[in-house]
Amino acid sequence: MEVVFRKLIFILLMIFYCSSIGFSQHIALVIHGGAGNIYKENLPDSLENLYRQKMEEALNTGFALLSQGGTSLDAVRATIKVMEDSPLFNAGKGAVFTNEGTNEMDAAIMDGASLNAGAVSGVRHIKNPIDAAIEVMLHSPHVMLSGSGAEDFAKSRGVELVDPEYFYTEKRYQQLLKAKQAESQEQGSTDQPNKEYKFGTVGAVALDIHGNIVAGTSTGGMTNKRYGRIGDSPIIGAGTYANNKTCGISATGHGEYFIRSVVAYDISALMEYKGLNIQSAADVVIQDKLTKLGGEGGVIGLDAEGNIMFSFNSNGMFRGFIKALNQPNIFIFKE
């Protein structure tokens, strides 16, 4: 009788184990932390390790939620907030400075099931802009709110606001001074990033157990930007897009080109209307179309089966992914 009981327990455990694998085999999470002129020789080992550790923390944070049956929205929020709270990335705490010496941030979120979306732009007091974007998506009839209006709405929804001094980092301030000096020497700005420029925007795309895809992006924009300049990150279809029929996309790069090319949506359209897989579609857009226009940067994404995609035409991109039963995979340089 005891032997039969033990066999029964073993069978039940195996059924549970196998069902757990089936339950989670398609969940996936992919992230980026910016693209640009990133060379191994210019990134000290100590700093490289810091980036890898923080990206691994972000992946583990979001994937823990997915593994417990959490939604892709919750996973994307948690993942991006880890990076927004780090001075390593150009988002939240590490946001770059404008020409006026302020920090103006943008963020967006999109739900692939409903095609609902939310975005904020030019905010200066919101600790985690991705939180505000999610509130816009869930509790507003609008898609994008900007400036003080976005902050008023965020405050009404209980989103955490902070003093602008929170966003000050010496590294970013020195980058502003360097950019202004270069601008002065060139007798005017060309609005082109210099050769040392790194697009530190952060983004995440998740697929949950329900088969739902959510994409989110958060950024501090471009160093020394003026006139309330807004890039592609908060623009649905340019820097952020999600559709359960095709894919979820988050972009990082010189935003003006991503806006003109409607990069994120174009990848989805190539999948939907031409039947391309996610990697092929992304490569057409980034390696061909965007490159021909002179745009630099990259995208991350995943499709409904959890297939992971990276595509970038810069010298490097902080990127990583994690899937069921796998450890976090982190990449920085061209492989």
C-alpha atoms as a PDB file:
ATOM      1  CA  MET A   1       0.000   0.000   0.000  1.00  0.00           C
ATOM      2  CA  GLU A   2       2.865   2.340   0.865  1.00  0.00           C
ATOM      3  CA  VAL A   3       4.543   1.634  -2.504  1.00  0.00           C
ATOM      4  CA  VAL A   4       1.338   2.437  -4.364  1.00  0.00           C
ATOM      5  CA  PHE A   5       0.958   5.642  -2.392  1.00  0.00           C
ATOM      6  CA  ARG A   6       4.521   6.701  -3.201  1.00  0.00           C
ATOM      7  CA  LYS A   7       3.964   5.998  -6.899  1.00  0.00           C
ATOM      8  CA  LEU A   8       0.781   8.044  -6.813  1.00  0.00           C
ATOM      9  CA  ILE A   9       2.597  10.963  -5.192  1.00  0.00           C
ATOM     10  CA  PHE A  10       5.367  10.694  -7.780  1.00  0.00           C
ATOM     11  CA  ILE A  11       2.854  10.709 -10.641  1.00  0.00           C
ATOM     12  CA  LEU A  12       1.058  13.718  -9.206  1.00  0.00           C
ATOM     13  CA  LEU A  13       4.341  15.590  -8.793  1.00  0.00           C
ATOM     14  CA  MET A  14       5.320  14.834 -12.390  1.00  0.00           C
ATOM     15  CA  ILE A  15       1.934  15.998 -13.648  1.00  0.00           C
ATOM     16  CA  PHE A  16       2.341  19.208 -11.683  1.00  0.00           C
ATOM     17  CA  TYR A  17       5.885  19.691 -12.970  1.00  0.00           C
ATOM     18  CA  CYS A  18       4.934  19.106 -16.587  1.00  0.00           C
ATOM     19  CA  SER A  19       1.891  21.318 -16.346  1.00  0.00           C
ATOM     20  CA  SER A  20       4.080  24.011 -14.814  1.00  0.00           C
ATOM     21  CA  ILE A  21       6.391  23.832 -17.806  1.00  0.00           C
ATOM     22  CA  GLY A  22       3.469  24.049 -20.195  1.00  0.00           C
ATOM     23  CA  PHE A  23       1.985  26.837 -18.126  1.00  0.00           C
ATOM     24  CA  SER A  24       5.085  28.989 -18.503  1.00  0.00           C
ATOM     25  CA  GLN A  25       6.864  27.862 -21.637  1.00  0.00           C
ATOM     26  CA  HIS A  26       5.845  30.925 -23.659  1.00  0.00           C
ATOM     27  CA  ILE A  27       6.271  33.644 -21.050  1.00  0.00           C
ATOM     28  CA  ALA A  28       9.137  35.945 -21.953  1.00  0.00           C
ATOM     29  CA  LEU A  29      10.645  39.308 -21.169  1.00  0.00           C
ATOM     30  CA  VAL A  30      13.051  41.384 -23.247  1.00  0.00           C
ATOM     31  CA  ILE A  31      14.655  44.719 -22.337  1.00  0.00           C
ATOM     32  CA  HIS A  32      16.970  47.424 -23.608  1.00  0.00           C
ATOM     33  CA  GLY A  33      18.924  50.161 -21.891  1.00  0.00           C
ATOM     34  CA  GLY A  34      19.959  52.280 -24.844  1.00  0.00           C
ATOM     35  CA  ALA A  35      22.000  52.020 -28.031  1.00  0.00           C
ATOM     36  CA  GLY A  36      24.797  54.051 -29.594  1.00  0.00           C
ATOM     37  CA  ASN A  37      28.564  54.199 -29.856  1.00  0.00           C
ATOM     38  CA  ILE A  38      29.291  51.577 -27.229  1.00  0.00           C
ATOM     39  CA  TYR A  39      32.711  49.954 -27.552  1.00  0.00           C
ATOM     40  CA  LYS A  40      34.297  47.391 -25.256  1.00  0.00           C
ATOM     41  CA  GLU A  41      37.496  49.428 -25.005  1.00  0.00           C
ATOM     42  CA  ASN A  42      35.571  52.521 -23.894  1.00  0.00           C
ATOM     43  CA  LEU A  43      33.529  50.799 -21.196  1.00  0.00           C
ATOM     44  CA  PRO A  44      35.578  49.972 -18.071  1.00  0.00           C
ATOM     45  CA  ASP A  45      34.996  46.489 -16.676  1.00  0.00           C
ATOM     46  CA  SER A  46      33.668  47.932 -13.418  1.00  0.00           C
ATOM     47  CA  LEU A  47      31.048  50.005 -15.247  1.00  0.00           C
ATOM     48  CA  GLU A  48      30.169  47.139 -17.578  1.00  0.00           C
ATOM     49  CA  ASN A  49      29.546  44.939 -14.549  1.00  0.00           C
ATOM     50  CA  LEU A  50      27.253  47.581 -13.044  1.00  0.00           C
ATOM     51  CA  TYR A  51      25.180  47.667 -16.240  1.00  0.00           C
ATOM     52  CA  ARG A  52      24.986  43.896 -16.384  1.00  0.00           C
ATOM     53  CA  GLN A  53      23.965  43.621 -12.735  1.00  0.00           C
ATOM     54  CA  LYS A  54      21.244  46.252 -13.052  1.00  0.00           C
ATOM     55  CA  MET A  55      19.848  44.745 -16.250  1.00  0.00           C
ATOM     56  CA  GLU A  56      19.840  41.302 -14.656  1.00  0.00           C
ATOM     57  CA  GLU A  57      17.988  42.769 -11.672  1.00  0.00           C
ATOM     58  CA  ALA A  58      15.430  44.326 -14.015  1.00  0.00           C
ATOM     59  CA  LEU A  59      14.888  41.052 -15.869  1.00  0.00           C
ATOM     60  CA  ASN A  60      14.598  38.992 -12.690  1.00  0.00           C
ATOM     61  CA  THR A  61      12.149  41.480 -11.182  1.00  0.00           C
ATOM     62  CA  GLY A  62       9.788  41.400 -14.135  1.00  0.00           C
ATOM     63  CA  PHE A  63      10.122  37.693 -14.812  1.00  0.00           C
ATOM     64  CA  ALA A  64       9.343  36.792 -11.213  1.00  0.00           C
ATOM     65  CA  LEU A  65       5.925  38.376 -11.716  1.00  0.00           C
ATOM     66  CA  LEU A  66       5.359  36.553 -15.003  1.00  0.00           C
ATOM     67  CA  SER A  67       6.366  33.219 -13.442  1.00  0.00           C
ATOM     68  CA  GLN A  68       3.801  33.708 -10.686  1.00  0.00           C
ATOM     69  CA  GLY A  69       1.042  34.253 -13.233  1.00  0.00           C
ATOM     70  CA  GLY A  70       1.289  38.040 -13.193  1.00  0.00           C
ATOM     71  CA  THR A  71       0.311  40.159 -16.162  1.00  0.00           C
ATOM     72  CA  SER A  72       2.645  41.485 -18.808  1.00  0.00           C
ATOM     73  CA  LEU A  73       1.604  45.002 -17.778  1.00  0.00           C
ATOM     74  CA  ASP A  74       2.763  44.418 -14.208  1.00  0.00           C
ATOM     75  CA  ALA A  75       6.012  42.891 -15.453  1.00  0.00           C
ATOM     76  CA  VAL A  76       6.801  45.757 -17.801  1.00  0.00           C
ATOM     77  CA  ARG A  77       6.040  48.333 -15.128  1.00  0.00           C
ATOM     78  CA  ALA A  78       8.272  46.649 -12.539  1.00  0.00           C
ATOM     79  CA  THR A  79      11.084  46.032 -15.010  1.00  0.00           C
ATOM     80  CA  ILE A  80      11.214  49.580 -16.305  1.00  0.00           C
ATOM     81  CA  LYS A  81      11.025  51.064 -12.806  1.00  0.00           C
ATOM     82  CA  VAL A  82      14.216  49.224 -11.840  1.00  0.00           C
ATOM     83  CA  MET A  83      15.992  50.990 -14.699  1.00  0.00           C
ATOM     84  CA  GLU A  84      14.271  54.337 -14.120  1.00  0.00           C
ATOM     85  CA  ASP A  85      15.536  54.263 -10.532  1.00  0.00           C
ATOM     86  CA  SER A  86      19.135  53.739 -11.652  1.00  0.00           C
ATOM     87  CA  PRO A  87      21.432  56.628 -12.672  1.00  0.00           C
ATOM     88  CA  LEU A  88      23.025  54.326 -15.256  1.00  0.00           C
ATOM     89  CA  PHE A  89      20.252  54.878 -17.794  1.00  0.00           C
ATOM     90  CA  ASN A  90      18.771  57.940 -19.469  1.00  0.00           C
ATOM     91  CA  ALA A  91      15.372  57.592 -17.826  1.00  0.00           C
ATOM     92  CA  GLY A  92      14.015  58.655 -14.458  1.00  0.00           C
ATOM     93  CA  LYS A  93      16.899  59.175 -12.014  1.00  0.00           C
ATOM     94  CA  GLY A  94      19.500  59.140 -14.798  1.00  0.00           C
ATOM     95  CA  ALA A  95      17.659  61.487 -17.187  1.00  0.00           C
ATOM     96  CA  VAL A  96      19.835  63.848 -19.209  1.00  0.00           C
ATOM     97  CA  PHE A  97      19.661  67.647 -18.986  1.00  0.00           C
ATOM     98  CA  THR A  98      17.982  70.011 -21.409  1.00  0.00           C
ATOM     99  CA  ASN A  99      19.641  73.183 -22.671  1.00  0.00           C
ATOM    100  CA  GLU A 100      17.932  75.050 -19.809  1.00  0.00           C
ATOM    101  CA  GLY A 101      19.411  72.714 -17.217  1.00  0.00           C
ATOM    102  CA  THR A 102      16.196  70.824 -16.483  1.00  0.00           C
ATOM    103  CA  ASN A 103      15.222  67.174 -16.838  1.00  0.00           C
ATOM    104  CA  GLU A 104      12.224  66.488 -19.089  1.00  0.00           C
ATOM    105  CA  MET A 105      11.082  62.903 -19.371  1.00  0.00           C
ATOM    106  CA  ASP A 106       8.805  60.892 -21.634  1.00  0.00           C
ATOM    107  CA  ALA A 107       7.256  57.431 -21.334  1.00  0.00           C
ATOM    108  CA  ALA A 108       4.718  55.214 -23.065  1.00  0.00           C
ATOM    109  CA  ILE A 109       2.913  51.916 -22.590  1.00  0.00           C
ATOM    110  CA  MET A 110       0.764  49.831 -24.951  1.00  0.00           C
ATOM    111  CA  ASP A 111      -1.427  46.772 -24.407  1.00  0.00           C
ATOM    112  CA  GLY A 112      -1.395  44.294 -27.288  1.00  0.00           C
ATOM    113  CA  ALA A 113      -4.792  42.795 -26.442  1.00  0.00           C
ATOM    114  CA  SER A 114      -6.872  45.964 -26.508  1.00  0.00           C
ATOM    115  CA  LEU A 115      -4.495  48.269 -28.426  1.00  0.00           C
ATOM    116  CA  ASN A 116      -5.037  50.690 -25.568  1.00  0.00           C
ATOM    117  CA  ALA A 117      -2.085  52.967 -24.886  1.00  0.00           C
ATOM    118  CA  GLY A 118      -0.911  55.762 -22.638  1.00  0.00           C
ATOM    119  CA  ALA A 119       1.949  58.235 -22.740  1.00  0.00           C
ATOM    120  CA  VAL A 120       3.367  61.282 -21.000  1.00  0.00           C
ATOM    121  CA  SER A 121       5.883  63.770 -22.347  1.00  0.00           C
ATOM    122  CA  GLY A 122       7.969  66.618 -20.993  1.00  0.00           C
ATOM    123  CA  VAL A 123       7.365  65.813 -17.328  1.00  0.00           C
ATOM    124  CA  ARG A 124       9.742  67.163 -14.681  1.00  0.00           C
ATOM    125  CA  HIS A 125       8.473  65.962 -11.297  1.00  0.00           C
ATOM    126  CA  ILE A 126       7.290  62.370 -11.827  1.00  0.00           C
ATOM    127  CA  LYS A 127       9.683  59.920 -10.176  1.00  0.00           C
ATOM    128  CA  ASN A 128       8.707  57.043 -12.457  1.00  0.00           C
ATOM    129  CA  PRO A 129       7.233  58.287 -15.743  1.00  0.00           C
ATOM    130  CA  ILE A 130       6.177  54.763 -16.707  1.00  0.00           C
ATOM    131  CA  ASP A 131       3.712  54.845 -13.789  1.00  0.00           C
ATOM    132  CA  ALA A 132       2.146  58.000 -15.183  1.00  0.00           C
ATOM    133  CA  ALA A 133       1.894  56.523 -18.680  1.00  0.00           C
ATOM    134  CA  ILE A 134       0.092  53.478 -17.287  1.00  0.00           C
ATOM    135  CA  GLU A 135      -2.354  55.698 -15.394  1.00  0.00           C
ATOM    136  CA  VAL A 136      -3.105  57.567 -18.623  1.00  0.00           C
ATOM    137  CA  MET A 137      -3.796  54.272 -20.384  1.00  0.00           C
ATOM    138  CA  LEU A 138      -5.972  52.827 -17.647  1.00  0.00           C
ATOM    139  CA  HIS A 139      -7.786  55.872 -16.279  1.00  0.00           C
ATOM    140  CA  SER A 140      -7.915  58.509 -19.005  1.00  0.00           C
ATOM    141  CA  PRO A 141      -9.833  58.789 -22.281  1.00  0.00           C
ATOM    142  CA  HIS A 142      -6.664  60.228 -23.826  1.00  0.00           C
ATOM    143  CA  VAL A 143      -3.490  58.601 -25.123  1.00  0.00           C
ATOM    144  CA  MET A 144      -0.855  61.284 -24.467  1.00  0.00           C
ATOM    145  CA  LEU A 145      -0.629  64.027 -21.863  1.00  0.00           C
ATOM    146  CA  SER A 146       2.211  66.538 -21.657  1.00  0.00           C
ATOM    147  CA  GLY A 147       3.979  68.868 -19.263  1.00  0.00           C
ATOM    148  CA  SER A 148       2.159  70.292 -16.262  1.00  0.00           C
ATOM    149  CA  GLY A 149      -1.145  68.787 -17.373  1.00  0.00           C
ATOM    150  CA  ALA A 150       0.372  65.308 -17.328  1.00  0.00           C
ATOM    151  CA  GLU A 151       1.736  65.992 -13.863  1.00  0.00           C
ATOM    152  CA  ASP A 152      -1.601  67.271 -12.568  1.00  0.00           C
ATOM    153  CA  PHE A 153      -3.265  64.111 -13.829  1.00  0.00           C
ATOM    154  CA  ALA A 154      -0.526  61.901 -12.371  1.00  0.00           C
ATOM    155  CA  LYS A 155      -0.877  63.613  -8.991  1.00  0.00           C
ATOM    156  CA  SER A 156      -4.642  63.054  -9.049  1.00  0.00           C
ATOM    157  CA  ARG A 157      -3.980  59.345  -9.590  1.00  0.00           C
ATOM    158  CA  GLY A 158      -1.528  59.073  -6.707  1.00  0.00           C
ATOM    159  CA  VAL A 159       1.625  58.799  -8.811  1.00  0.00           C
ATOM    160  CA  GLU A 160       4.727  59.766  -6.837  1.00  0.00           C
ATOM    161  CA  LEU A 161       6.085  63.254  -7.567  1.00  0.00           C
ATOM    162  CA  VAL A 162       9.524  64.465  -6.458  1.00  0.00           C
ATOM    163  CA  ASP A 163      11.530  67.660  -6.349  1.00  0.00           C
ATOM    164  CA  PRO A 164      13.456  68.199  -9.610  1.00  0.00           C
ATOM    165  CA  GLU A 165      16.697  67.945  -7.623  1.00  0.00           C
ATOM    166  CA  TYR A 166      16.052  64.204  -7.377  1.00  0.00           C
ATOM    167  CA  PHE A 167      17.043  63.839 -11.026  1.00  0.00           C
ATOM    168  CA  TYR A 168      20.379  65.634 -10.693  1.00  0.00           C
ATOM    169  CA  THR A 169      23.453  63.515 -11.346  1.00  0.00           C
ATOM    170  CA  GLU A 170      26.893  64.985 -11.810  1.00  0.00           C
ATOM    171  CA  LYS A 171      27.648  62.746 -14.777  1.00  0.00           C
ATOM    172  CA  ARG A 172      24.620  63.998 -16.722  1.00  0.00           C
ATOM    173  CA  TYR A 173      25.333  67.608 -15.810  1.00  0.00           C
ATOM    174  CA  GLN A 174      28.883  67.316 -17.110  1.00  0.00           C
ATOM    175  CA  GLN A 175      27.502  65.839 -20.328  1.00  0.00           C
ATOM    176  CA  LEU A 176      25.366  68.935 -20.725  1.00  0.00           C
ATOM    177  CA  LEU A 177      28.334  71.253 -20.202  1.00  0.00           C
ATOM    178  CA  LYS A 178      30.344  69.271 -22.721  1.00  0.00           C
ATOM    179  CA  ALA A 179      27.501  69.414 -25.254  1.00  0.00           C
ATOM    180  CA  LYS A 180      27.159  73.177 -24.819  1.00  0.00           C
ATOM    181  CA  GLN A 181      30.887  73.661 -25.274  1.00  0.00           C
ATOM    182  CA  ALA A 182      30.832  71.635 -28.473  1.00  0.00           C
ATOM    183  CA  GLU A 183      27.806  73.583 -29.694  1.00  0.00           C
ATOM    184  CA  SER A 184      29.595  76.875 -29.039  1.00  0.00           C
ATOM    185  CA  GLN A 185      32.665  75.746 -30.923  1.00  0.00           C
ATOM    186  CA  GLU A 186      30.523  74.687 -33.868  1.00  0.00           C
ATOM    187  CA  GLN A 187      28.636  78.021 -33.853  1.00  0.00           C
ATOM    188  CA  GLY A 188      25.239  76.437 -33.512  1.00  0.00           C
ATOM    189  CA  SER A 189      23.630  73.081 -33.002  1.00  0.00           C
ATOM    190  CA  THR A 190      22.932  70.647 -35.819  1.00  0.00           C
ATOM    191  CA  ASP A 191      20.704  68.572 -33.529  1.00  0.00           C
ATOM    192  CA  GLN A 192      22.906  65.608 -34.326  1.00  0.00           C
ATOM    193  CA  PRO A 193      24.365  63.515 -31.488  1.00  0.00           C
ATOM    194  CA  ASN A 194      28.150  63.620 -31.242  1.00  0.00           C
ATOM    195  CA  LYS A 195      30.293  60.556 -31.735  1.00  0.00           C
ATOM    196  CA  GLU A 196      30.279  59.745 -28.017  1.00  0.00           C
ATOM    197  CA  TYR A 197      26.506  59.898 -27.781  1.00  0.00           C
ATOM    198  CA  LYS A 198      24.699  56.939 -26.217  1.00  0.00           C
ATOM    199  CA  PHE A 199      20.938  56.686 -26.447  1.00  0.00           C
ATOM    200  CA  GLY A 200      20.154  55.577 -22.884  1.00  0.00           C
ATOM    201  CA  THR A 201      16.403  55.136 -23.265  1.00  0.00           C
ATOM    202  CA  VAL A 202      15.027  52.069 -21.471  1.00  0.00           C
ATOM    203  CA  GLY A 203      12.317  49.713 -22.624  1.00  0.00           C
ATOM    204  CA  ALA A 204      10.694  46.359 -21.944  1.00  0.00           C
ATOM    205  CA  VAL A 205       8.340  43.992 -23.743  1.00  0.00           C
ATOM    206  CA  ALA A 206       6.640  41.095 -21.971  1.00  0.00           C
ATOM    207  CA  LEU A 207       4.473  38.106 -22.870  1.00  0.00           C
ATOM    208  CA  ASP A 208       2.390  36.619 -20.052  1.00  0.00           C
ATOM    209  CA  ILE A 209       0.596  33.291 -19.507  1.00  0.00           C
ATOM    210  CA  HIS A 210      -2.552  34.718 -21.066  1.00  0.00           C
ATOM    211  CA  GLY A 211      -0.725  35.347 -24.343  1.00  0.00           C
ATOM    212  CA  ASN A 212      -0.875  39.091 -23.887  1.00  0.00           C
ATOM    213  CA  ILE A 213       1.961  41.354 -25.055  1.00  0.00           C
ATOM    214  CA  VAL A 214       2.735  44.710 -23.457  1.00  0.00           C
ATOM    215  CA  ALA A 215       5.474  47.126 -24.539  1.00  0.00           C
ATOM    216  CA  GLY A 216       6.790  50.097 -22.599  1.00  0.00           C
ATOM    217  CA  THR A 217       9.489  52.734 -23.064  1.00  0.00           C
ATOM    218  CA  SER A 218      10.892  55.490 -20.853  1.00  0.00           C
ATOM    219  CA  THR A 219      13.488  58.174 -21.585  1.00  0.00           C
ATOM    220  CA  GLY A 220      15.059  61.459 -20.593  1.00  0.00           C
ATOM    221  CA  GLY A 221      15.391  62.432 -24.245  1.00  0.00           C
ATOM    222  CA  MET A 222      18.425  64.057 -25.796  1.00  0.00           C
ATOM    223  CA  THR A 223      21.161  65.947 -23.974  1.00  0.00           C
ATOM    224  CA  ASN A 224      20.956  69.726 -24.558  1.00  0.00           C
ATOM    225  CA  LYS A 225      17.531  69.476 -26.205  1.00  0.00           C
ATOM    226  CA  ARG A 226      15.507  72.700 -26.617  1.00  0.00           C
ATOM    227  CA  TYR A 227      12.030  74.047 -27.234  1.00  0.00           C
ATOM    228  CA  GLY A 228      10.244  71.174 -25.488  1.00  0.00           C
ATOM    229  CA  ARG A 229      11.598  68.657 -27.966  1.00  0.00           C
ATOM    230  CA  ILE A 230       9.878  65.255 -27.818  1.00  0.00           C
ATOM    231  CA  GLY A 231      11.386  62.112 -29.311  1.00  0.00           C
ATOM    232  CA  ASP A 232       9.892  58.832 -30.431  1.00  0.00           C
ATOM    233  CA  SER A 233       9.602  57.054 -27.063  1.00  0.00           C
ATOM    234  CA  PRO A 234       6.114  58.341 -26.086  1.00  0.00           C
ATOM    235  CA  ILE A 235       4.773  58.264 -29.628  1.00  0.00           C
ATOM    236  CA  ILE A 236       2.700  55.152 -30.212  1.00  0.00           C
ATOM    237  CA  GLY A 237       3.842  53.456 -33.407  1.00  0.00           C
ATOM    238  CA  ALA A 238       7.218  55.178 -33.464  1.00  0.00           C
ATOM    239  CA  GLY A 239       9.084  54.177 -30.314  1.00  0.00           C
ATOM    240  CA  THR A 240       6.494  51.934 -28.677  1.00  0.00           C
ATOM    241  CA  TYR A 241       3.929  49.512 -30.078  1.00  0.00           C
ATOM    242  CA  ALA A 242       2.159  46.257 -29.131  1.00  0.00           C
ATOM    243  CA  ASN A 243      -0.359  44.074 -30.909  1.00  0.00           C
ATOM    244  CA  ASN A 244      -1.105  40.489 -29.891  1.00  0.00           C
ATOM    245  CA  LYS A 245      -1.578  39.577 -33.564  1.00  0.00           C
ATOM    246  CA  THR A 246       2.032  40.405 -34.309  1.00  0.00           C
ATOM    247  CA  CYS A 247       4.506  41.660 -31.729  1.00  0.00           C
ATOM    248  CA  GLY A 248       5.575  44.141 -29.096  1.00  0.00           C
ATOM    249  CA  ILE A 249       8.315  46.676 -29.841  1.00  0.00           C
ATOM    250  CA  SER A 250      10.359  49.209 -27.857  1.00  0.00           C
ATOM    251  CA  ALA A 251      12.896  51.426 -29.584  1.00  0.00           C
ATOM    252  CA  THR A 252      15.964  53.442 -28.685  1.00  0.00           C
ATOM    253  CA  GLY A 253      17.889  55.819 -30.911  1.00  0.00           C
ATOM    254  CA  HIS A 254      17.825  59.190 -32.622  1.00  0.00           C
ATOM    255  CA  GLY A 255      14.104  59.752 -32.203  1.00  0.00           C
ATOM    256  CA  GLU A 256      13.454  62.075 -35.118  1.00  0.00           C
ATOM    257  CA  TYR A 257      14.246  59.269 -37.553  1.00  0.00           C
ATOM    258  CA  PHE A 258      12.160  56.744 -35.647  1.00  0.00           C
ATOM    259  CA  ILE A 259       9.197  59.117 -35.771  1.00  0.00           C
ATOM    260  CA  ARG A 260       9.534  59.732 -39.501  1.00  0.00           C
ATOM    261  CA  SER A 261       9.834  55.997 -40.145  1.00  0.00           C
ATOM    262  CA  VAL A 262       7.076  54.952 -37.724  1.00  0.00           C
ATOM    263  CA  VAL A 263       9.540  52.224 -36.800  1.00  0.00           C
ATOM    264  CA  ALA A 264       7.634  50.219 -34.201  1.00  0.00           C
ATOM    265  CA  TYR A 265       4.417  50.003 -36.196  1.00  0.00           C
ATOM    266  CA  ASP A 266       6.245  49.333 -39.448  1.00  0.00           C
ATOM    267  CA  ILE A 267       7.723  46.172 -37.948  1.00  0.00           C
ATOM    268  CA  SER A 268       4.268  45.018 -36.893  1.00  0.00           C
ATOM    269  CA  ALA A 269       2.820  45.860 -40.329  1.00  0.00           C
ATOM    270  CA  LEU A 270       5.479  43.839 -42.130  1.00  0.00           C
ATOM    271  CA  MET A 271       4.584  40.871 -39.963  1.00  0.00           C
ATOM    272  CA  GLU A 272       0.819  41.280 -40.415  1.00  0.00           C
ATOM    273  CA  TYR A 273       0.663  42.122 -44.108  1.00  0.00           C
ATOM    274  CA  LYS A 274       3.748  40.461 -45.567  1.00  0.00           C
ATOM    275  CA  GLY A 275       4.018  37.495 -43.231  1.00  0.00           C
ATOM    276  CA  LEU A 276       7.573  38.193 -42.142  1.00  0.00           C
ATOM    277  CA  ASN A 277       8.824  36.826 -38.847  1.00  0.00           C
ATOM    278  CA  ILE A 278       9.733  39.349 -36.164  1.00  0.00           C
ATOM    279  CA  GLN A 279      13.486  39.271 -36.747  1.00  0.00           C
ATOM    280  CA  SER A 280      13.206  39.657 -40.512  1.00  0.00           C
ATOM    281  CA  ALA A 281      10.683  42.477 -40.176  1.00  0.00           C
ATOM    282  CA  ALA A 282      12.866  44.344 -37.703  1.00  0.00           C
ATOM    283  CA  ASP A 283      15.958  43.946 -39.848  1.00  0.00           C
ATOM    284  CA  VAL A 284      14.156  45.360 -42.884  1.00  0.00           C
ATOM    285  CA  VAL A 285      13.164  48.440 -40.903  1.00  0.00           C
ATOM    286  CA  ILE A 286      16.383  49.010 -38.915  1.00  0.00           C
ATOM    287  CA  GLN A 287      19.118  47.710 -41.179  1.00  0.00           C
ATOM    288  CA  ASP A 288      17.606  48.927 -44.456  1.00  0.00           C
ATOM    289  CA  LYS A 289      14.957  51.640 -44.167  1.00  0.00           C
ATOM    290  CA  LEU A 290      16.267  53.474 -41.102  1.00  0.00           C
ATOM    291  CA  THR A 291      19.902  53.194 -42.161  1.00  0.00           C
ATOM    292  CA  LYS A 292      19.168  54.663 -45.585  1.00  0.00           C
ATOM    293  CA  LEU A 293      17.579  57.690 -43.922  1.00  0.00           C
ATOM    294  CA  GLY A 294      20.639  58.178 -41.728  1.00  0.00           C
ATOM    295  CA  GLY A 295      18.954  57.135 -38.485  1.00  0.00           C
ATOM    296  CA  GLU A 296      20.830  55.315 -35.761  1.00  0.00           C
ATOM    297  CA  GLY A 297      19.580  53.092 -32.970  1.00  0.00           C
ATOM    298  CA  GLY A 298      17.762  49.841 -32.439  1.00  0.00           C
ATOM    299  CA  VAL A 299      14.719  47.925 -31.290  1.00  0.00           C
ATOM    300  CA  ILE A 300      13.820  45.004 -29.078  1.00  0.00           C
ATOM    301  CA  GLY A 301      10.710  42.897 -29.343  1.00  0.00           C
ATOM    302  CA  LEU A 302       8.954  39.582 -29.054  1.00  0.00           C
ATOM    303  CA  ASP A 303       6.070  37.875 -30.811  1.00  0.00           C
ATOM    304  CA  ALA A 304       3.095  35.833 -29.648  1.00  0.00           C
ATOM    305  CA  GLU A 305       5.221  32.693 -29.395  1.00  0.00           C
ATOM    306  CA  GLY A 306       7.812  34.390 -27.213  1.00  0.00           C
ATOM    307  CA  ASN A 307      10.424  34.634 -29.966  1.00  0.00           C
ATOM    308  CA  ILE A 308      12.960  37.290 -28.980  1.00  0.00           C
ATOM    309  CA  MET A 309      14.247  39.951 -31.369  1.00  0.00           C
ATOM    310  CA  PHE A 310      17.098  42.468 -31.276  1.00  0.00           C
ATOM    311  CA  SER A 311      18.044  44.659 -34.214  1.00  0.00           C
ATOM    312  CA  PHE A 312      20.326  47.712 -34.159  1.00  0.00           C
ATOM    313  CA  ASN A 313      22.577  49.588 -36.563  1.00  0.00           C
ATOM    314  CA  SER A 314      24.690  51.302 -33.905  1.00  0.00           C
ATOM    315  CA  ASN A 315      27.924  49.945 -32.457  1.00  0.00           C
ATOM    316  CA  GLY A 316      26.206  48.514 -29.433  1.00  0.00           C
ATOM    317  CA  MET A 317      22.974  48.250 -27.497  1.00  0.00           C
ATOM    318  CA  PHE A 318      22.368  47.355 -23.855  1.00  0.00           C
ATOM    319  CA  ARG A 319      19.909  44.481 -24.172  1.00  0.00           C
ATOM    320  CA  GLY A 320      18.792  41.251 -22.581  1.00  0.00           C
ATOM    321  CA  PHE A 321      16.052  38.679 -22.268  1.00  0.00           C
ATOM    322  CA  ILE A 322      14.751  35.868 -20.105  1.00  0.00           C
ATOM    323  CA  LYS A 323      12.388  33.038 -20.992  1.00  0.00           C
ATOM    324  CA  ALA A 324      10.882  30.102 -19.097  1.00  0.00           C
ATOM    325  CA  LEU A 325      13.491  27.825 -17.503  1.00  0.00           C
ATOM    326  CA  ASN A 326      16.301  30.132 -18.655  1.00  0.00           C
ATOM    327  CA  GLN A 327      18.676  32.444 -16.833  1.00  0.00           C
ATOM    328  CA  PRO A 328      18.888  36.134 -17.779  1.00  0.00           C
ATOM    329  CA  ASN A 329      20.869  36.738 -20.964  1.00  0.00           C
ATOM    330  CA  ILE A 330      22.632  40.108 -21.148  1.00  0.00           C
ATOM    331  CA  PHE A 331      24.385  41.620 -24.185  1.00  0.00           C
ATOM    332  CA  ILE A 332      26.040  44.976 -24.771  1.00  0.00           C
ATOM    333  CA  PHE A 333      28.336  44.908 -27.779  1.00  0.00           C
ATOM    334  CA  LYS A 334      27.900  43.601 -31.300  1.00  0.00           C
ATOM    335  CA  GLU A 335      28.166  39.844 -31.147  1.00  0.00           C
END
